[in-house]
C-alpha atoms as a PDB file:
ATOM      1  CA  UNK A   1       0.000   0.000   0.000  1.00  0.00           C
ATOM      2  CA  UNK A   2       1.109   3.572  -0.660  1.00  0.00           C
ATOM      3  CA  UNK A   3       1.316   5.278   2.734  1.00  0.00           C
ATOM      4  CA  UNK A   4       2.186   8.773   3.945  1.00  0.00           C
ATOM      5  CA  UNK A   5       3.658   8.590   7.457  1.00  0.00           C
ATOM      6  CA  UNK A   6       3.437  11.450   9.962  1.00  0.00           C
ATOM      7  CA  UNK A   7       5.591  11.259  13.086  1.00  0.00           C
ATOM      8  CA  UNK A   8       8.356  13.068  14.939  1.00  0.00           C
ATOM      9  CA  UNK A   9      10.072  11.486  18.005  1.00  0.00           C
ATOM     10  CA  UNK A  10      12.036   8.292  18.498  1.00  0.00           C
ATOM     11  CA  UNK A  11       8.876   6.717  19.915  1.00  0.00           C
ATOM     12  CA  UNK A  12       7.389   6.711  16.388  1.00  0.00           C
ATOM     13  CA  UNK A  13      10.334   4.913  14.760  1.00  0.00           C
ATOM     14  CA  UNK A  14       9.141   1.320  15.318  1.00  0.00           C
ATOM     15  CA  UNK A  15       5.863   2.173  13.578  1.00  0.00           C
ATOM     16  CA  UNK A  16       7.619   3.630  10.534  1.00  0.00           C
ATOM     17  CA  UNK A  17      10.152   0.825  10.360  1.00  0.00           C
ATOM     18  CA  UNK A  18       7.428  -1.820  10.707  1.00  0.00           C
ATOM     19  CA  UNK A  19       5.581  -0.414   7.685  1.00  0.00           C
ATOM     20  CA  UNK A  20       8.777  -0.420   5.627  1.00  0.00           C
ATOM     21  CA  UNK A  21       9.673  -3.963   6.717  1.00  0.00           C
ATOM     22  CA  UNK A  22       6.182  -5.150   5.770  1.00  0.00           C
ATOM     23  CA  UNK A  23       6.769  -4.029   2.184  1.00  0.00           C
ATOM     24  CA  UNK A  24       4.547  -0.977   2.071  1.00  0.00           C
ATOM     25  CA  UNK A  25       5.552   1.993  -0.059  1.00  0.00           C
ATOM     26  CA  UNK A  26       6.089   4.930   2.278  1.00  0.00           C
ATOM     27  CA  UNK A  27       5.774   7.720  -0.275  1.00  0.00           C
ATOM     28  CA  UNK A  28       6.675  10.480   2.140  1.00  0.00           C
ATOM     29  CA  UNK A  29       7.135  11.459   5.763  1.00  0.00           C
ATOM     30  CA  UNK A  30       5.797  14.529   7.510  1.00  0.00           C
ATOM     31  CA  UNK A  31       7.714  15.523  10.640  1.00  0.00           C
ATOM     32  CA  UNK A  32       8.030  18.546  12.897  1.00  0.00           C
ATOM     33  CA  UNK A  33      10.608  21.192  11.892  1.00  0.00           C
ATOM     34  CA  UNK A  34      14.213  20.833  13.069  1.00  0.00           C
ATOM     35  CA  UNK A  35      14.756  22.301  16.542  1.00  0.00           C
ATOM     36  CA  UNK A  36      17.580  24.613  17.665  1.00  0.00           C
ATOM     37  CA  UNK A  37      19.881  22.978  20.218  1.00  0.00           C
ATOM     38  CA  UNK A  38      23.115  23.718  21.986  1.00  0.00           C
ATOM     39  CA  UNK A  39      24.173  26.322  24.473  1.00  0.00           C
ATOM     40  CA  UNK A  40      23.510  29.181  22.091  1.00  0.00           C
ATOM     41  CA  UNK A  41      20.652  27.496  20.220  1.00  0.00           C
ATOM     42  CA  UNK A  42      22.645  27.985  17.031  1.00  0.00           C
ATOM     43  CA  UNK A  43      22.490  24.403  15.756  1.00  0.00           C
ATOM     44  CA  UNK A  44      19.502  22.597  14.320  1.00  0.00           C
ATOM     45  CA  UNK A  45      18.680  19.018  15.273  1.00  0.00           C
ATOM     46  CA  UNK A  46      16.541  16.888  12.989  1.00  0.00           C
ATOM     47  CA  UNK A  47      13.731  14.804  14.517  1.00  0.00           C
ATOM     48  CA  UNK A  48      14.488  11.070  14.754  1.00  0.00           C
ATOM     49  CA  UNK A  49      11.715  10.215  12.266  1.00  0.00           C
ATOM     50  CA  UNK A  50      13.234  12.564   9.687  1.00  0.00           C
ATOM     51  CA  UNK A  51      16.671  10.976  10.073  1.00  0.00           C
ATOM     52  CA  UNK A  52      15.187   7.505   9.737  1.00  0.00           C
ATOM     53  CA  UNK A  53      13.202   8.439   6.629  1.00  0.00           C
ATOM     54  CA  UNK A  54      16.232   9.960   4.928  1.00  0.00           C
ATOM     55  CA  UNK A  55      18.209   6.788   5.615  1.00  0.00           C
ATOM     56  CA  UNK A  56      15.609   4.960   3.496  1.00  0.00           C
ATOM     57  CA  UNK A  57      15.606   7.721   0.846  1.00  0.00           C
ATOM     58  CA  UNK A  58      12.024   8.642   1.703  1.00  0.00           C
ATOM     59  CA  UNK A  59      11.075  12.274   0.948  1.00  0.00           C
ATOM     60  CA  UNK A  60      10.621  14.354   4.117  1.00  0.00           C
ATOM     61  CA  UNK A  61       8.336  17.349   4.553  1.00  0.00           C
ATOM     62  CA  UNK A  62       8.399  19.646   7.589  1.00  0.00           C
ATOM     63  CA  UNK A  63       5.620  22.194   7.204  1.00  0.00           C
ATOM     64  CA  UNK A  64       5.348  24.916   9.809  1.00  0.00           C
ATOM     65  CA  UNK A  65       1.643  25.260   9.068  1.00  0.00           C
ATOM     66  CA  UNK A  66      -0.943  22.729   7.945  1.00  0.00           C
ATOM     67  CA  UNK A  67      -3.820  25.072   7.167  1.00  0.00           C
ATOM     68  CA  UNK A  68      -2.410  27.342   4.460  1.00  0.00           C
ATOM     69  CA  UNK A  69      -2.912  24.852   1.627  1.00  0.00           C
ATOM     70  CA  UNK A  70       0.777  24.049   1.079  1.00  0.00           C
ATOM     71  CA  UNK A  71       0.752  20.773   2.990  1.00  0.00           C
ATOM     72  CA  UNK A  72      -2.477  19.693   1.301  1.00  0.00           C
ATOM     73  CA  UNK A  73      -0.947  20.344  -2.124  1.00  0.00           C
ATOM     74  CA  UNK A  74       2.113  18.267  -1.208  1.00  0.00           C
ATOM     75  CA  UNK A  75      -0.100  15.414  -0.007  1.00  0.00           C
ATOM     76  CA  UNK A  76      -2.176  15.460  -3.189  1.00  0.00           C
ATOM     77  CA  UNK A  77       1.022  15.265  -5.220  1.00  0.00           C
ATOM     78  CA  UNK A  78       2.203  12.264  -3.198  1.00  0.00           C
ATOM     79  CA  UNK A  79      -1.248  10.672  -3.641  1.00  0.00           C
ATOM     80  CA  UNK A  80      -1.141   8.250  -0.678  1.00  0.00           C
ATOM     81  CA  UNK A  81      -3.855   5.659  -0.249  1.00  0.00           C
ATOM     82  CA  UNK A  82      -3.597   6.024   3.535  1.00  0.00           C
ATOM     83  CA  UNK A  83      -2.085   8.460   6.032  1.00  0.00           C
ATOM     84  CA  UNK A  84      -0.660   6.968   9.236  1.00  0.00           C
ATOM     85  CA  UNK A  85      -0.107   9.345  12.165  1.00  0.00           C
ATOM     86  CA  UNK A  86       2.115   8.203  15.038  1.00  0.00           C
ATOM     87  CA  UNK A  87       3.200  10.870  17.550  1.00  0.00           C
ATOM     88  CA  UNK A  88       3.340  13.635  14.940  1.00  0.00           C
ATOM     89  CA  UNK A  89       2.424  16.345  17.433  1.00  0.00           C
ATOM     90  CA  UNK A  90       0.142  18.343  15.142  1.00  0.00           C
ATOM     91  CA  UNK A  91      -3.642  18.419  14.650  1.00  0.00           C
ATOM     92  CA  UNK A  92      -4.651  17.671  11.061  1.00  0.00           C
ATOM     93  CA  UNK A  93      -7.257  19.930   9.442  1.00  0.00           C
ATOM     94  CA  UNK A  94     -10.331  18.355   7.879  1.00  0.00           C
ATOM     95  CA  UNK A  95      -9.183  18.844   4.287  1.00  0.00           C
ATOM     96  CA  UNK A  96      -6.119  16.661   4.995  1.00  0.00           C
ATOM     97  CA  UNK A  97      -8.198  14.081   6.867  1.00  0.00           C
ATOM     98  CA  UNK A  98     -10.449  13.806   3.808  1.00  0.00           C
ATOM     99  CA  UNK A  99      -7.607  13.535   1.285  1.00  0.00           C
ATOM    100  CA  UNK A 100      -6.528   9.853   1.081  1.00  0.00           C
ATOM    101  CA  UNK A 101      -9.043   7.254  -0.184  1.00  0.00           C
ATOM    102  CA  UNK A 102      -8.642   5.102   2.941  1.00  0.00           C
ATOM    103  CA  UNK A 103      -8.524   8.084   5.266  1.00  0.00           C
ATOM    104  CA  UNK A 104      -6.148   8.813   8.128  1.00  0.00           C
ATOM    105  CA  UNK A 105      -5.422   6.519  11.055  1.00  0.00           C
ATOM    106  CA  UNK A 106      -3.748   7.372  14.336  1.00  0.00           C
ATOM    107  CA  UNK A 107      -1.668   5.104  16.561  1.00  0.00           C
ATOM    108  CA  UNK A 108      -2.452   5.999  20.193  1.00  0.00           C
ATOM    109  CA  UNK A 109      -0.847   4.571  23.325  1.00  0.00           C
ATOM    110  CA  UNK A 110      -3.878   3.776  25.454  1.00  0.00           C
ATOM    111  CA  UNK A 111      -6.951   1.597  25.410  1.00  0.00           C
ATOM    112  CA  UNK A 112      -9.355   4.236  24.151  1.00  0.00           C
ATOM    113  CA  UNK A 113     -11.670   5.778  25.184  1.00  0.00           C
ATOM    114  CA  UNK A 114      -9.456   5.859  28.292  1.00  0.00           C
ATOM    115  CA  UNK A 115      -6.633   8.407  28.309  1.00  0.00           C
ATOM    116  CA  UNK A 116      -7.264  10.647  25.361  1.00  0.00           C
ATOM    117  CA  UNK A 117      -4.599  13.318  25.116  1.00  0.00           C
ATOM    118  CA  UNK A 118      -0.890  14.060  25.136  1.00  0.00           C
ATOM    119  CA  UNK A 119       0.420  11.855  27.979  1.00  0.00           C
ATOM    120  CA  UNK A 120      -1.529   8.569  28.067  1.00  0.00           C
ATOM    121  CA  UNK A 121       1.409   6.410  29.151  1.00  0.00           C
ATOM    122  CA  UNK A 122       2.289   8.641  32.091  1.00  0.00           C
ATOM    123  CA  UNK A 123      -1.286   8.958  33.299  1.00  0.00           C
ATOM    124  CA  UNK A 124      -1.887   5.218  33.150  1.00  0.00           C
ATOM    125  CA  UNK A 125       0.990   4.770  35.615  1.00  0.00           C
ATOM    126  CA  UNK A 126       0.065   7.813  37.709  1.00  0.00           C
ATOM    127  CA  UNK A 127      -3.417   6.387  38.198  1.00  0.00           C
ATOM    128  CA  UNK A 128      -2.145   2.973  39.186  1.00  0.00           C
ATOM    129  CA  UNK A 129      -3.490   1.110  36.160  1.00  0.00           C
ATOM    130  CA  UNK A 130      -2.466  -2.525  35.863  1.00  0.00           C
ATOM    131  CA  UNK A 131      -3.002  -2.626  32.100  1.00  0.00           C
ATOM    132  CA  UNK A 132      -2.686  -0.343  29.110  1.00  0.00           C
ATOM    133  CA  UNK A 133      -2.148  -0.810  25.404  1.00  0.00           C
ATOM    134  CA  UNK A 134      -2.382   0.581  21.908  1.00  0.00           C
ATOM    135  CA  UNK A 135      -5.377   1.719  19.895  1.00  0.00           C
ATOM    136  CA  UNK A 136      -5.428   2.342  16.164  1.00  0.00           C
ATOM    137  CA  UNK A 137      -8.351   4.516  15.140  1.00  0.00           C
ATOM    138  CA  UNK A 138      -9.759   6.456  12.253  1.00  0.00           C
ATOM    139  CA  UNK A 139      -8.952  10.107  12.824  1.00  0.00           C
ATOM    140  CA  UNK A 140     -11.702  12.623  13.526  1.00  0.00           C
ATOM    141  CA  UNK A 141     -11.769  16.354  14.131  1.00  0.00           C
ATOM    142  CA  UNK A 142     -12.016  15.895  17.923  1.00  0.00           C
ATOM    143  CA  UNK A 143      -8.895  14.805  19.837  1.00  0.00           C
ATOM    144  CA  UNK A 144      -8.462  11.002  19.878  1.00  0.00           C
ATOM    145  CA  UNK A 145     -12.201  10.574  19.347  1.00  0.00           C
ATOM    146  CA  UNK A 146     -12.282   8.580  16.104  1.00  0.00           C
ATOM    147  CA  UNK A 147     -13.764   5.135  15.573  1.00  0.00           C
ATOM    148  CA  UNK A 148     -11.582   2.276  16.841  1.00  0.00           C
ATOM    149  CA  UNK A 149     -10.142  -0.160  14.294  1.00  0.00           C
ATOM    150  CA  UNK A 150      -7.968  -2.345  16.534  1.00  0.00           C
ATOM    151  CA  UNK A 151      -6.521  -2.602  20.036  1.00  0.00           C
ATOM    152  CA  UNK A 152      -3.860  -4.616  21.853  1.00  0.00           C
ATOM    153  CA  UNK A 153      -3.200  -4.630  25.592  1.00  0.00           C
ATOM    154  CA  UNK A 154      -0.200  -5.311  27.832  1.00  0.00           C
ATOM    155  CA  UNK A 155       0.169  -5.448  31.634  1.00  0.00           C
ATOM    156  CA  UNK A 156       1.991  -2.701  33.510  1.00  0.00           C
ATOM    157  CA  UNK A 157       4.614  -4.092  35.890  1.00  0.00           C
ATOM    158  CA  UNK A 158       4.498  -2.737  39.478  1.00  0.00           C
ATOM    159  CA  UNK A 159       7.995  -1.252  39.190  1.00  0.00           C
ATOM    160  CA  UNK A 160       7.820  -0.164  35.532  1.00  0.00           C
ATOM    161  CA  UNK A 161       8.586   3.482  34.808  1.00  0.00           C
ATOM    162  CA  UNK A 162       7.057   5.595  32.061  1.00  0.00           C
ATOM    163  CA  UNK A 163      10.211   5.378  29.854  1.00  0.00           C
ATOM    164  CA  UNK A 164      10.302   1.599  30.237  1.00  0.00           C
ATOM    165  CA  UNK A 165       6.624   1.230  29.383  1.00  0.00           C
ATOM    166  CA  UNK A 166       7.045   3.645  26.475  1.00  0.00           C
ATOM    167  CA  UNK A 167       9.730   1.418  24.955  1.00  0.00           C
ATOM    168  CA  UNK A 168       7.509  -1.660  25.170  1.00  0.00           C
ATOM    169  CA  UNK A 169       4.508   0.159  23.745  1.00  0.00           C
ATOM    170  CA  UNK A 170       6.562   1.480  20.830  1.00  0.00           C
ATOM    171  CA  UNK A 171       7.212  -2.085  19.692  1.00  0.00           C
ATOM    172  CA  UNK A 172       3.589  -3.098  20.213  1.00  0.00           C
ATOM    173  CA  UNK A 173       2.479  -0.099  18.151  1.00  0.00           C
ATOM    174  CA  UNK A 174       4.535  -1.225  15.157  1.00  0.00           C
ATOM    175  CA  UNK A 175       3.224  -4.796  15.298  1.00  0.00           C
ATOM    176  CA  UNK A 176      -0.421  -3.789  15.635  1.00  0.00           C
ATOM    177  CA  UNK A 177      -0.072  -1.149  12.908  1.00  0.00           C
ATOM    178  CA  UNK A 178       1.142  -3.650  10.328  1.00  0.00           C
ATOM    179  CA  UNK A 179      -1.708  -6.033  11.175  1.00  0.00           C
ATOM    180  CA  UNK A 180      -4.257  -3.220  10.962  1.00  0.00           C
ATOM    181  CA  UNK A 181      -2.983  -1.813   7.669  1.00  0.00           C
ATOM    182  CA  UNK A 182      -3.276  -5.309   6.183  1.00  0.00           C
ATOM    183  CA  UNK A 183      -6.913  -5.420   7.284  1.00  0.00           C
ATOM    184  CA  UNK A 184      -7.565  -1.991   5.798  1.00  0.00           C
ATOM    185  CA  UNK A 185      -5.972  -3.106   2.547  1.00  0.00           C
ATOM    186  CA  UNK A 186      -8.197  -6.215   2.423  1.00  0.00           C
ATOM    187  CA  UNK A 187     -11.285  -4.239   3.368  1.00  0.00           C
ATOM    188  CA  UNK A 188     -11.861  -6.393   6.461  1.00  0.00           C
ATOM    189  CA  UNK A 189     -11.040  -3.824   9.161  1.00  0.00           C
ATOM    190  CA  UNK A 190     -13.693  -3.275  11.814  1.00  0.00           C
ATOM    191  CA  UNK A 191     -14.924   0.159  12.894  1.00  0.00           C
ATOM    192  CA  UNK A 192     -16.279   0.687  16.415  1.00  0.00           C
ATOM    193  CA  UNK A 193     -17.425   4.083  17.744  1.00  0.00           C
ATOM    194  CA  UNK A 194     -15.952   5.028  21.102  1.00  0.00           C
ATOM    195  CA  UNK A 195     -18.125   4.990  24.218  1.00  0.00           C
ATOM    196  CA  UNK A 196     -18.214   8.663  25.153  1.00  0.00           C
ATOM    197  CA  UNK A 197     -19.439   7.838  28.676  1.00  0.00           C
ATOM    198  CA  UNK A 198     -16.147   6.017  29.370  1.00  0.00           C
ATOM    199  CA  UNK A 199     -13.798   8.799  28.207  1.00  0.00           C
ATOM    200  CA  UNK A 200     -10.913   9.828  30.477  1.00  0.00           C
ATOM    201  CA  UNK A 201      -8.242  12.395  29.683  1.00  0.00           C
ATOM    202  CA  UNK A 202      -4.441  12.397  29.749  1.00  0.00           C
ATOM    203  CA  UNK A 203      -3.446  16.064  29.633  1.00  0.00           C
ATOM    204  CA  UNK A 204       0.078  17.331  29.194  1.00  0.00           C
ATOM    205  CA  UNK A 205       2.245  17.009  32.321  1.00  0.00           C
ATOM    206  CA  UNK A 206       3.369  19.981  34.391  1.00  0.00           C
ATOM    207  CA  UNK A 207       5.593  20.687  37.387  1.00  0.00           C
ATOM    208  CA  UNK A 208       2.546  21.202  39.570  1.00  0.00           C
ATOM    209  CA  UNK A 209       2.249  17.401  39.627  1.00  0.00           C
ATOM    210  CA  UNK A 210       5.751  16.899  41.042  1.00  0.00           C
ATOM    211  CA  UNK A 211       5.631  17.430  44.849  1.00  0.00           C
ATOM    212  CA  UNK A 212       5.148  14.249  46.881  1.00  0.00           C
ATOM    213  CA  UNK A 213       2.437  14.489  49.548  1.00  0.00           C
ATOM    214  CA  UNK A 214       3.329  12.211  52.461  1.00  0.00           C
ATOM    215  CA  UNK A 215      -0.306  12.139  53.616  1.00  0.00           C
ATOM    216  CA  UNK A 216      -1.024   9.869  50.637  1.00  0.00           C
ATOM    217  CA  UNK A 217      -0.330   6.126  50.748  1.00  0.00           C
ATOM    218  CA  UNK A 218       3.057   4.833  49.593  1.00  0.00           C
ATOM    219  CA  UNK A 219       1.658   2.993  46.554  1.00  0.00           C
ATOM    220  CA  UNK A 220       0.197   6.231  45.168  1.00  0.00           C
ATOM    221  CA  UNK A 221       3.499   8.046  45.689  1.00  0.00           C
ATOM    222  CA  UNK A 222       5.423   5.184  44.071  1.00  0.00           C
ATOM    223  CA  UNK A 223       3.117   5.453  41.050  1.00  0.00           C
ATOM    224  CA  UNK A 224       3.719   9.209  40.987  1.00  0.00           C
ATOM    225  CA  UNK A 225       7.482   8.704  40.888  1.00  0.00           C
ATOM    226  CA  UNK A 226       7.243   6.128  38.080  1.00  0.00           C
ATOM    227  CA  UNK A 227       4.710   8.115  36.072  1.00  0.00           C
ATOM    228  CA  UNK A 228       6.510  11.458  36.092  1.00  0.00           C
ATOM    229  CA  UNK A 229       9.738  10.159  34.581  1.00  0.00           C
ATOM    230  CA  UNK A 230      11.668  11.472  32.746  1.00  0.00           C
ATOM    231  CA  UNK A 231       9.975  14.873  33.154  1.00  0.00           C
ATOM    232  CA  UNK A 232       8.929  16.697  35.270  1.00  0.00           C
ATOM    233  CA  UNK A 233       9.906  14.050  37.887  1.00  0.00           C
ATOM    234  CA  UNK A 234       8.490  13.731  41.389  1.00  0.00           C
ATOM    235  CA  UNK A 235      10.082  16.018  43.986  1.00  0.00           C
ATOM    236  CA  UNK A 236      10.452  16.230  47.767  1.00  0.00           C
ATOM    237  CA  UNK A 237      12.260  18.219  50.427  1.00  0.00           C
ATOM    238  CA  UNK A 238      14.767  15.849  52.045  1.00  0.00           C
ATOM    239  CA  UNK A 239      16.466  17.347  55.080  1.00  0.00           C
ATOM    240  CA  UNK A 240      15.844  20.817  53.701  1.00  0.00           C
ATOM    241  CA  UNK A 241      17.244  19.945  50.258  1.00  0.00           C
ATOM    242  CA  UNK A 242      14.965  20.003  47.234  1.00  0.00           C
ATOM    243  CA  UNK A 243      15.371  16.733  45.337  1.00  0.00           C
ATOM    244  CA  UNK A 244      14.001  14.973  42.294  1.00  0.00           C
ATOM    245  CA  UNK A 245      13.010  11.411  43.165  1.00  0.00           C
ATOM    246  CA  UNK A 246      13.870   8.706  40.636  1.00  0.00           C
ATOM    247  CA  UNK A 247      13.475   5.304  42.261  1.00  0.00           C
ATOM    248  CA  UNK A 248      11.274   4.133  45.137  1.00  0.00           C
ATOM    249  CA  UNK A 249       9.650   1.097  46.708  1.00  0.00           C
ATOM    250  CA  UNK A 250       6.347   1.040  48.655  1.00  0.00           C
ATOM    251  CA  UNK A 251       6.465  -0.826  51.977  1.00  0.00           C
ATOM    252  CA  UNK A 252       4.676  -1.193  55.289  1.00  0.00           C
ATOM    253  CA  UNK A 253       5.545   1.284  58.011  1.00  0.00           C
ATOM    254  CA  UNK A 254       4.093   3.113  60.998  1.00  0.00           C
ATOM    255  CA  UNK A 255       4.591   6.739  61.843  1.00  0.00           C
ATOM    256  CA  UNK A 256       3.338  10.234  61.270  1.00  0.00           C
ATOM    257  CA  UNK A 257       3.302  10.902  57.515  1.00  0.00           C
ATOM    258  CA  UNK A 258       6.503  12.612  56.462  1.00  0.00           C
ATOM    259  CA  UNK A 259       8.577  11.169  59.328  1.00  0.00           C
ATOM    260  CA  UNK A 260      11.917   9.527  58.534  1.00  0.00           C
ATOM    261  CA  UNK A 261      11.781   5.893  59.707  1.00  0.00           C
ATOM    262  CA  UNK A 262      15.122   4.638  58.409  1.00  0.00           C
ATOM    263  CA  UNK A 263      18.186   5.940  56.588  1.00  0.00           C
ATOM    264  CA  UNK A 264      21.089   3.854  55.366  1.00  0.00           C
ATOM    265  CA  UNK A 265      22.351   1.518  52.677  1.00  0.00           C
ATOM    266  CA  UNK A 266      18.821   0.369  51.862  1.00  0.00           C
ATOM    267  CA  UNK A 267      17.573   3.906  51.269  1.00  0.00           C
ATOM    268  CA  UNK A 268      15.383   6.424  53.054  1.00  0.00           C
ATOM    269  CA  UNK A 269      12.159   5.058  54.509  1.00  0.00           C
ATOM    270  CA  UNK A 270       9.519   7.732  54.987  1.00  0.00           C
ATOM    271  CA  UNK A 271       6.165   7.202  56.707  1.00  0.00           C
ATOM    272  CA  UNK A 272       3.067   7.684  54.576  1.00  0.00           C
ATOM    273  CA  UNK A 273      -0.678   7.226  55.079  1.00  0.00           C
ATOM    274  CA  UNK A 274      -2.552   4.062  56.079  1.00  0.00           C
ATOM    275  CA  UNK A 275       0.355   2.207  57.680  1.00  0.00           C
ATOM    276  CA  UNK A 276       2.557   2.468  54.606  1.00  0.00           C
ATOM    277  CA  UNK A 277       6.015   3.882  53.943  1.00  0.00           C
ATOM    278  CA  UNK A 278       7.966   4.868  50.856  1.00  0.00           C
ATOM    279  CA  UNK A 279      11.594   3.811  50.489  1.00  0.00           C
ATOM    280  CA  UNK A 280      13.594   6.240  48.339  1.00  0.00           C
ATOM    281  CA  UNK A 281      16.470   4.563  46.497  1.00  0.00           C
ATOM    282  CA  UNK A 282      17.715   7.184  44.020  1.00  0.00           C
ATOM    283  CA  UNK A 283      17.392  10.945  43.969  1.00  0.00           C
ATOM    284  CA  UNK A 284      18.922  14.110  42.565  1.00  0.00           C
ATOM    285  CA  UNK A 285      19.515  17.172  44.748  1.00  0.00           C
ATOM    286  CA  UNK A 286      19.215  20.515  42.992  1.00  0.00           C
ATOM    287  CA  UNK A 287      22.447  21.326  41.175  1.00  0.00           C
ATOM    288  CA  UNK A 288      23.806  17.792  41.527  1.00  0.00           C
ATOM    289  CA  UNK A 289      23.774  14.571  39.524  1.00  0.00           C
ATOM    290  CA  UNK A 290      21.407  11.682  40.074  1.00  0.00           C
ATOM    291  CA  UNK A 291      22.758   9.494  42.885  1.00  0.00           C
ATOM    292  CA  UNK A 292      21.939   6.568  45.177  1.00  0.00           C
ATOM    293  CA  UNK A 293      20.730   7.499  48.666  1.00  0.00           C
ATOM    294  CA  UNK A 294      24.029   6.354  50.237  1.00  0.00           C
ATOM    295  CA  UNK A 295      25.886   9.056  48.284  1.00  0.00           C
ATOM    296  CA  UNK A 296      23.300  11.645  49.315  1.00  0.00           C
ATOM    297  CA  UNK A 297      23.585  10.721  52.996  1.00  0.00           C
ATOM    298  CA  UNK A 298      27.367  11.192  52.882  1.00  0.00           C
ATOM    299  CA  UNK A 299      26.817  14.911  52.473  1.00  0.00           C
ATOM    300  CA  UNK A 300      23.373  15.277  54.044  1.00  0.00           C
ATOM    301  CA  UNK A 301      23.184  13.472  57.397  1.00  0.00           C
ATOM    302  CA  UNK A 302      19.621  12.846  58.584  1.00  0.00           C
ATOM    303  CA  UNK A 303      18.153  11.891  61.958  1.00  0.00           C
ATOM    304  CA  UNK A 304      15.670   9.054  62.382  1.00  0.00           C
ATOM    305  CA  UNK A 305      12.341  10.471  63.513  1.00  0.00           C
ATOM    306  CA  UNK A 306      12.770  13.902  61.966  1.00  0.00           C
ATOM    307  CA  UNK A 307      10.000  15.361  59.829  1.00  0.00           C
ATOM    308  CA  UNK A 308      10.941  15.854  56.205  1.00  0.00           C
END
């Protein structure tokens, strides 16, 4: 099939490479414009999808705007049968959605209608979900609201972080995409409207989500730490030092929430709600590198029983 692929970050690469490996003709790639990087922002860095496409000699287009007619003209010239969108980062106008004969499909990292929005992987972990997955849907004008074509689910491990889950989902996305495109090509793909009563949202993450609240139970805080990686990261004041928290373990423990129960080679154990405690294993003080708790304690002695 002749396919136009739209994607930008590394996360989208397995989807693009899966289409190529399956023998489809990727007639072009749309990606976000190159971004300035470096100390003086004087160098441009190409998106990973662009670099991948060029390595396969696939034409790359990086429109700044999608609504001025230029992108639509380029797409009509390419004449794709199908447009596949995978983490492109732009909303497609209706004239582009209507352009290819088989329409436009989006690869989304949640089991829709749950977690529509920009950060579905993070929010699945933040909310303590035990399962998530991938949905491929027909694109509609509303965000992530199109009819579902296919879904695949995977369990979320209790210690799995957002970057780790992202890597697994990226591979699942590519596999499911190839299967779904084959169904579209045969004309056997199903089409199921989403249940609007079951919709939940996964908005973009912000630093307001970072501070740990010791009056919550340890499991919830552990999920917060895992779900906010790599950015903005969970944070806490440890002995008066503001720290990003990178690795934790929920345990049993008794004490006033926020009280230090233990400090040593096995980490910092801090009392939380409902007879639970959170053990901090890795952290990063402001202005320092990420480090194990033992290295932190060498320069920041703490007293058992003190309130953090």
